[in-house]
Amino acid sequence: MPPKHNSEPLGERKPIGIYRLFDPETETWECWFLQFRGYLEMNCAVEDDIRRSCLVTSLAPKCFEELRRACLPKSPYDFTFPQLQDLMTKLFGNRIVLLKERSKFFTLRQTAAQTPMQFANYLRHMAAGCDFENFNTEAALLVQFVNGMRNQSVRTTLLARGKDLTFENALSYLQLEEDVQREDVKNAEEAHFSLIKIALHTSAYDRQ
């Protein structure tokens, strides 16, 4: 028995569902659009207005708002699908996302819950997505590590070490400082407990 061909009139085609929303915070435009193209082909969406509507309705709210502003004084529906694709590439292409990631990197600050080592590891993780190319990653890590420290006196001390300071040297210095502070706290606690013991012993002796 020969296979049945879809003879459904074009005007009676069932509408296709909205594709996964594009969110530039979670994925790149290039990767998302490749899958979106496959979605359109799989659903035989060849008409420009259908492809355009699928694209517009598959954008996260903030993403759509940026596209809408880029289209002013017109509306996204006044543009063809290829034109909207070009606009989206200009707004959310790899280079733009990379610039945003680098800008975000240089605003990072150490939180109250982070030790210097944890902050350094977090910076390493965030720097991996910045692709600093000719800009030395080690230099970027050092600049933002010092810039993002919560303790102003620590920042001043690190800056005073001048151009010879490296990222690893800064970490070693702060690790040593933490060890010294930890030892000081331990010694202070031991001295405090010793005083308590002496006071208790003296009090017991006086009662006798």
Protein backbone atom coordinates (compact mmCIF):
# COMPACT_ATOMS: atom_id res chain seq x y z
CA MET A 1 0.00 0.00 0.00
CA PRO A 2 1.60 3.31 -1.06
CA PRO A 3 2.30 5.81 1.72
CA LYS A 4 -0.19 8.59 2.19
CA HIS A 5 1.05 12.03 1.33
CA ASN A 6 0.02 15.04 3.33
CA SER A 7 -2.51 16.72 1.08
CA GLU A 8 -3.69 19.14 3.73
CA PRO A 9 -4.24 22.58 2.17
CA LEU A 10 -1.64 25.14 3.17
CA GLY A 11 -4.28 27.43 4.67
CA GLU A 12 -5.56 24.65 6.94
CA ARG A 13 -2.16 23.67 8.37
CA LYS A 14 -2.20 23.20 12.10
CA PRO A 15 -0.17 25.83 13.97
CA ILE A 16 3.18 24.68 15.31
CA GLY A 17 4.11 25.19 18.93
CA ILE A 18 6.49 27.76 20.34
CA TYR A 19 10.10 26.63 20.30
CA ARG A 20 12.32 26.68 23.39
CA LEU A 21 12.74 30.31 24.47
CA PHE A 22 16.07 31.88 23.64
CA ASP A 23 17.73 33.31 26.75
CA PRO A 24 21.19 34.87 26.18
CA GLU A 25 21.99 34.30 29.86
CA THR A 26 21.94 30.53 29.43
CA GLU A 27 23.06 29.80 25.84
CA THR A 28 24.64 31.42 22.81
CA TRP A 29 22.59 32.76 19.93
CA GLU A 30 24.57 30.73 17.40
CA CYS A 31 23.86 27.36 19.06
CA TRP A 32 20.22 28.18 19.72
CA PHE A 33 19.58 29.34 16.16
CA LEU A 34 21.07 26.18 14.65
CA GLN A 35 18.56 24.10 16.59
CA PHE A 36 15.79 26.58 15.80
CA ARG A 37 16.48 26.13 12.08
CA GLY A 38 16.09 22.39 12.51
CA TYR A 39 12.80 22.95 14.32
CA LEU A 40 11.48 25.06 11.43
CA GLU A 41 12.54 22.49 8.83
CA MET A 42 11.05 19.64 10.83
CA ASN A 43 7.72 21.49 10.88
CA CYS A 44 7.96 22.44 7.18
CA ALA A 45 7.82 26.13 8.05
CA VAL A 46 8.98 27.73 4.81
CA GLU A 47 6.85 30.88 4.58
CA ASP A 48 8.63 34.01 5.76
CA ASP A 49 5.79 35.24 7.96
CA ILE A 50 5.51 31.86 9.73
CA ARG A 51 9.26 31.68 10.35
CA ARG A 52 9.26 35.27 11.58
CA SER A 53 6.38 34.62 14.00
CA CYS A 54 8.07 31.47 15.29
CA LEU A 55 11.24 33.44 15.98
CA VAL A 56 9.52 36.37 17.69
CA THR A 57 7.43 34.11 19.94
CA SER A 58 10.47 32.02 20.88
CA LEU A 59 12.33 34.85 22.61
CA ALA A 60 12.53 35.37 26.37
CA PRO A 61 10.79 38.63 27.46
CA LYS A 62 13.99 40.66 28.01
CA CYS A 63 15.41 39.37 24.74
CA PHE A 64 12.26 40.33 22.83
CA GLU A 65 12.33 43.79 24.40
CA GLU A 66 15.87 44.37 23.11
CA LEU A 67 14.81 43.25 19.64
CA ARG A 68 11.73 45.49 19.75
CA ARG A 69 13.85 48.51 20.63
CA ALA A 70 16.31 47.71 17.86
CA CYS A 71 13.41 47.71 15.38
CA LEU A 72 12.01 51.11 16.40
CA PRO A 73 10.28 53.08 15.03
CA LYS A 74 9.01 49.97 13.28
CA SER A 75 7.82 46.67 14.74
CA PRO A 76 9.60 43.29 14.45
CA TYR A 77 6.70 42.26 12.21
CA ASP A 78 7.73 44.90 9.67
CA PHE A 79 10.96 42.99 9.02
CA THR A 80 11.59 39.77 7.10
CA PHE A 81 12.86 36.64 8.81
CA PRO A 82 16.43 37.06 7.43
CA GLN A 83 16.43 40.70 8.57
CA LEU A 84 15.40 39.70 12.10
CA GLN A 85 18.06 36.99 12.08
CA ASP A 86 20.70 39.62 11.23
CA LEU A 87 19.42 41.92 13.97
CA MET A 88 19.52 39.14 16.54
CA THR A 89 23.07 38.27 15.52
CA LYS A 90 24.12 41.88 16.03
CA LEU A 91 22.40 42.00 19.42
CA PHE A 92 23.33 38.60 20.80
CA GLY A 93 26.15 37.18 18.66
CA ASN A 94 29.22 35.61 20.27
CA ARG A 95 31.24 38.83 20.33
CA ILE A 96 28.49 40.74 22.11
CA VAL A 97 27.99 37.98 24.66
CA LEU A 98 31.75 37.80 25.15
CA LEU A 99 31.90 41.53 25.81
CA LYS A 100 29.14 41.20 28.39
CA GLU A 101 30.95 38.31 30.06
CA ARG A 102 34.17 40.31 30.27
CA SER A 103 32.34 43.34 31.64
CA LYS A 104 30.64 41.12 34.20
CA PHE A 105 34.00 39.61 35.18
CA PHE A 106 35.43 43.01 36.10
CA THR A 107 32.49 43.76 38.42
CA LEU A 108 32.92 40.63 40.54
CA ARG A 109 33.50 41.20 44.24
CA GLN A 110 34.35 38.88 47.10
CA THR A 111 31.26 38.04 49.18
CA ALA A 112 31.16 37.84 52.96
CA ALA A 113 30.88 34.06 52.73
CA GLN A 114 33.92 33.62 50.46
CA THR A 115 37.46 33.06 51.67
CA PRO A 116 40.23 34.51 49.46
CA MET A 117 40.86 31.01 48.07
CA GLN A 118 37.17 30.50 47.25
CA PHE A 119 37.03 33.92 45.60
CA ALA A 120 40.12 33.06 43.53
CA ASN A 121 38.58 29.77 42.39
CA TYR A 122 35.35 31.58 41.48
CA LEU A 123 37.34 34.06 39.39
CA ARG A 124 39.10 31.20 37.60
CA HIS A 125 35.71 29.68 36.79
CA MET A 126 34.30 32.96 35.47
CA ALA A 127 37.46 33.80 33.48
CA ALA A 128 37.10 30.55 31.54
CA GLY A 129 34.10 31.98 29.70
CA CYS A 130 35.73 35.32 28.88
CA ASP A 131 38.22 34.17 26.22
CA PHE A 132 40.65 36.99 26.94
CA GLU A 133 42.65 36.16 23.77
CA ASN A 134 45.62 38.56 23.71
CA PHE A 135 44.81 39.89 27.15
CA ASN A 136 46.75 37.71 29.58
CA THR A 137 44.33 35.63 31.65
CA GLU A 138 46.76 35.60 34.56
CA ALA A 139 46.85 39.40 34.53
CA ALA A 140 43.05 39.58 34.39
CA LEU A 141 42.76 37.23 37.36
CA LEU A 142 45.25 39.26 39.38
CA VAL A 143 43.60 42.61 38.59
CA GLN A 144 40.13 41.44 39.52
CA PHE A 145 41.29 39.42 42.54
CA VAL A 146 42.86 42.53 44.08
CA ASN A 147 40.05 44.80 42.88
CA GLY A 148 37.36 42.50 44.26
CA MET A 149 38.75 41.98 47.77
CA ARG A 150 36.39 43.09 50.54
CA ASN A 151 39.14 44.04 52.99
CA GLN A 152 40.50 47.48 52.05
CA SER A 153 43.73 47.03 54.03
CA VAL A 154 44.43 43.76 52.21
CA ARG A 155 43.87 45.47 48.86
CA THR A 156 46.26 48.26 49.86
CA THR A 157 48.90 45.76 50.97
CA LEU A 158 48.66 43.80 47.71
CA LEU A 159 48.79 46.94 45.58
CA ALA A 160 51.88 48.09 47.49
CA ARG A 161 53.74 45.01 46.27
CA GLY A 162 53.78 46.60 42.82
CA LYS A 163 54.31 45.08 39.38
CA ASP A 164 56.17 42.05 40.73
CA LEU A 165 52.98 40.71 42.30
CA THR A 166 51.54 37.62 40.61
CA PHE A 167 48.20 35.89 41.11
CA GLU A 168 49.82 32.93 42.86
CA ASN A 169 51.94 35.22 45.05
CA ALA A 170 48.83 37.11 46.12
CA LEU A 171 47.12 33.84 47.03
CA SER A 172 50.15 32.62 48.97
CA TYR A 173 50.36 35.91 50.87
CA LEU A 174 46.68 35.84 51.84
CA GLN A 175 46.87 32.17 52.78
CA LEU A 176 49.77 33.01 55.10
CA GLU A 177 47.79 35.90 56.57
CA GLU A 178 44.84 33.59 57.23
CA ASP A 179 47.10 31.04 58.92
CA VAL A 180 48.61 33.75 61.13
CA GLN A 181 45.18 35.10 62.05
CA ARG A 182 43.92 31.59 62.77
CA GLU A 183 46.92 30.95 65.01
CA ASP A 184 46.40 34.28 66.79
CA VAL A 185 42.76 33.41 67.45
CA LYS A 186 43.77 29.98 68.73
CA ASN A 187 46.38 31.47 71.05
CA ALA A 188 43.92 34.09 72.28
CA GLU A 189 41.33 31.41 73.03
CA GLU A 190 43.89 29.30 74.87
CA ALA A 191 44.99 32.31 76.92
CA HIS A 192 41.36 33.12 77.68
CA PHE A 193 40.65 29.58 78.88
CA SER A 194 43.83 29.63 80.97
CA LEU A 195 42.68 32.80 82.69
CA ILE A 196 39.28 31.23 83.37
CA LYS A 197 40.94 28.16 84.88
CA ILE A 198 43.16 30.34 87.08
CA ALA A 199 40.17 32.38 88.19
CA LEU A 200 38.15 29.27 89.00
CA HIS A 201 41.09 27.72 90.84
CA THR A 202 41.66 30.92 92.84
CA SER A 203 37.96 31.16 93.68
CA ALA A 204 37.91 27.57 94.89
CA TYR A 205 41.06 28.16 96.96
CA ASP A 206 39.55 31.27 98.59
CA ARG A 207 36.42 29.35 99.59
CA GLN A 208 38.60 26.83 101.39
